[in-house]
Amino acid sequence: MTRLCASDSTVPMSAPLPEAWDLFDACAGLPLLLLHGENSDVLSRATADEMQARRPDLIRAELPGRGHVPFLDEPDALAAIHRWLDLCRTN
């Protein structure tokens, strides 16, 4: 996986990425959409499940047969995006 910090020679590429649950939890009260491909090599199913557990109101769409970045014009993706936009309009 390419890291944003790859140009920083002080950060070894083998170092684990820091957890960001505090940032995720700071989104409390905001409508959240998790749209990802079933075959993502970036976002694990365990992480997506933890996101859902922390935010049961999270709109989650896992698109079958897709990698990390799914096509946004697929029916399942569009339906999730529309549900999220509706939540944004009412909050």
C-alpha atoms as a PDB file:
ATOM      1  CA  MET A   1       0.000   0.000   0.000  1.00  0.00           C
ATOM      2  CA  THR A   2       1.319   3.452  -0.850  1.00  0.00           C
ATOM      3  CA  ARG A   3       1.475   5.676   2.170  1.00  0.00           C
ATOM      4  CA  LEU A   4       1.063   9.410   2.265  1.00  0.00           C
ATOM      5  CA  CYS A   5       4.172   9.638   4.424  1.00  0.00           C
ATOM      6  CA  ALA A   6       6.336   7.730   1.932  1.00  0.00           C
ATOM      7  CA  SER A   7       8.448  10.809   1.226  1.00  0.00           C
ATOM      8  CA  ASP A   8       9.228  11.263   4.926  1.00  0.00           C
ATOM      9  CA  SER A   9      12.389   9.243   5.476  1.00  0.00           C
ATOM     10  CA  THR A  10      11.948   9.462   9.257  1.00  0.00           C
ATOM     11  CA  VAL A  11       8.917   7.165   9.105  1.00  0.00           C
ATOM     12  CA  PRO A  12       9.888   3.584   8.287  1.00  0.00           C
ATOM     13  CA  MET A  13       7.602   2.028   5.676  1.00  0.00           C
ATOM     14  CA  SER A  14       7.246  -1.051   7.870  1.00  0.00           C
ATOM     15  CA  ALA A  15       5.796   0.991  10.746  1.00  0.00           C
ATOM     16  CA  PRO A  16       2.131   0.235  11.433  1.00  0.00           C
ATOM     17  CA  LEU A  17      -0.315   2.981  10.631  1.00  0.00           C
ATOM     18  CA  PRO A  18      -1.720   4.732  13.698  1.00  0.00           C
ATOM     19  CA  GLU A  19      -5.267   3.975  14.698  1.00  0.00           C
ATOM     20  CA  ALA A  20      -7.751   6.730  13.985  1.00  0.00           C
ATOM     21  CA  TRP A  21     -10.727   5.625  16.099  1.00  0.00           C
ATOM     22  CA  ASP A  22     -10.619   8.884  18.062  1.00  0.00           C
ATOM     23  CA  LEU A  23     -11.151  10.785  14.803  1.00  0.00           C
ATOM     24  CA  PHE A  24     -13.916   8.418  13.737  1.00  0.00           C
ATOM     25  CA  ASP A  25     -15.625   8.750  17.116  1.00  0.00           C
ATOM     26  CA  ALA A  26     -15.383  12.546  16.821  1.00  0.00           C
ATOM     27  CA  CYS A  27     -17.867  12.310  13.934  1.00  0.00           C
ATOM     28  CA  ALA A  28     -20.640  11.476  16.399  1.00  0.00           C
ATOM     29  CA  GLY A  29     -23.851  13.166  15.357  1.00  0.00           C
ATOM     30  CA  LEU A  30     -22.846  13.487  11.707  1.00  0.00           C
ATOM     31  CA  PRO A  31     -24.425  11.361   8.985  1.00  0.00           C
ATOM     32  CA  LEU A  32     -21.804   8.848   7.835  1.00  0.00           C
ATOM     33  CA  LEU A  33     -21.616   6.735   4.706  1.00  0.00           C
ATOM     34  CA  LEU A  34     -19.234   3.810   4.314  1.00  0.00           C
ATOM     35  CA  LEU A  35     -19.116   2.825   0.665  1.00  0.00           C
ATOM     36  CA  HIS A  36     -16.481   0.239  -0.166  1.00  0.00           C
ATOM     37  CA  GLY A  37     -15.741  -2.701  -2.374  1.00  0.00           C
ATOM     38  CA  GLU A  38     -16.046  -6.239  -1.067  1.00  0.00           C
ATOM     39  CA  ASN A  39     -12.488  -7.013  -2.219  1.00  0.00           C
ATOM     40  CA  SER A  40     -10.802  -3.942  -0.741  1.00  0.00           C
ATOM     41  CA  ASP A  41      -7.188  -4.504   0.215  1.00  0.00           C
ATOM     42  CA  VAL A  42      -7.229  -1.254   2.204  1.00  0.00           C
ATOM     43  CA  LEU A  43     -10.325  -1.520   4.383  1.00  0.00           C
ATOM     44  CA  SER A  44     -10.750  -4.877   6.108  1.00  0.00           C
ATOM     45  CA  ARG A  45     -14.158  -6.338   6.820  1.00  0.00           C
ATOM     46  CA  ALA A  46     -13.217  -6.335  10.539  1.00  0.00           C
ATOM     47  CA  THR A  47     -12.584  -2.582  10.420  1.00  0.00           C
ATOM     48  CA  ALA A  48     -15.843  -1.956   8.553  1.00  0.00           C
ATOM     49  CA  ASP A  49     -17.662  -4.096  11.132  1.00  0.00           C
ATOM     50  CA  GLU A  50     -16.079  -2.090  13.961  1.00  0.00           C
ATOM     51  CA  MET A  51     -17.168   1.144  12.282  1.00  0.00           C
ATOM     52  CA  GLN A  52     -20.729  -0.216  12.104  1.00  0.00           C
ATOM     53  CA  ALA A  53     -20.591  -1.327  15.749  1.00  0.00           C
ATOM     54  CA  ARG A  54     -19.419   2.113  16.861  1.00  0.00           C
ATOM     55  CA  ARG A  55     -22.030   3.829  14.709  1.00  0.00           C
ATOM     56  CA  PRO A  56     -25.129   1.647  14.237  1.00  0.00           C
ATOM     57  CA  ASP A  57     -26.666   4.509  12.233  1.00  0.00           C
ATOM     58  CA  LEU A  58     -23.820   4.336   9.689  1.00  0.00           C
ATOM     59  CA  ILE A  59     -25.077   3.829   6.155  1.00  0.00           C
ATOM     60  CA  ARG A  60     -22.950   0.982   4.854  1.00  0.00           C
ATOM     61  CA  ALA A  61     -22.806  -0.348   1.330  1.00  0.00           C
ATOM     62  CA  GLU A  62     -20.343  -3.088   0.481  1.00  0.00           C
ATOM     63  CA  LEU A  63     -20.297  -3.519  -3.272  1.00  0.00           C
ATOM     64  CA  PRO A  64     -19.770  -7.130  -4.377  1.00  0.00           C
ATOM     65  CA  GLY A  65     -16.903  -7.933  -6.697  1.00  0.00           C
ATOM     66  CA  ARG A  66     -15.273  -4.528  -6.333  1.00  0.00           C
ATOM     67  CA  GLY A  67     -11.898  -3.470  -4.987  1.00  0.00           C
ATOM     68  CA  HIS A  68     -11.287  -0.631  -2.585  1.00  0.00           C
ATOM     69  CA  VAL A  69     -12.789   2.079  -4.785  1.00  0.00           C
ATOM     70  CA  PRO A  70     -16.168   1.019  -6.183  1.00  0.00           C
ATOM     71  CA  PHE A  71     -17.948   2.580  -9.116  1.00  0.00           C
ATOM     72  CA  LEU A  72     -20.287   5.264  -7.804  1.00  0.00           C
ATOM     73  CA  ASP A  73     -22.839   4.891 -10.593  1.00  0.00           C
ATOM     74  CA  GLU A  74     -23.848   1.337  -9.650  1.00  0.00           C
ATOM     75  CA  PRO A  75     -27.400   0.952  -8.297  1.00  0.00           C
ATOM     76  CA  ASP A  76     -26.298  -0.143  -4.793  1.00  0.00           C
ATOM     77  CA  ALA A  77     -23.814   2.717  -4.547  1.00  0.00           C
ATOM     78  CA  LEU A  78     -26.346   5.257  -5.787  1.00  0.00           C
ATOM     79  CA  ALA A  79     -28.989   4.028  -3.349  1.00  0.00           C
ATOM     80  CA  ALA A  80     -26.576   4.400  -0.419  1.00  0.00           C
ATOM     81  CA  ILE A  81     -25.475   7.844  -1.580  1.00  0.00           C
ATOM     82  CA  HIS A  82     -29.102   8.976  -1.880  1.00  0.00           C
ATOM     83  CA  ARG A  83     -29.912   7.679   1.625  1.00  0.00           C
ATOM     84  CA  TRP A  84     -26.882   9.547   2.988  1.00  0.00           C
ATOM     85  CA  LEU A  85     -27.820  12.758   1.160  1.00  0.00           C
ATOM     86  CA  ASP A  86     -31.349  12.517   2.559  1.00  0.00           C
ATOM     87  CA  LEU A  87     -29.871  12.241   6.063  1.00  0.00           C
ATOM     88  CA  CYS A  88     -27.649  15.248   5.408  1.00  0.00           C
ATOM     89  CA  ARG A  89     -30.656  17.299   4.332  1.00  0.00           C
ATOM     90  CA  THR A  90     -32.622  16.466   7.487  1.00  0.00           C
ATOM     91  CA  ASN A  91     -29.786  17.041   9.973  1.00  0.00           C
END
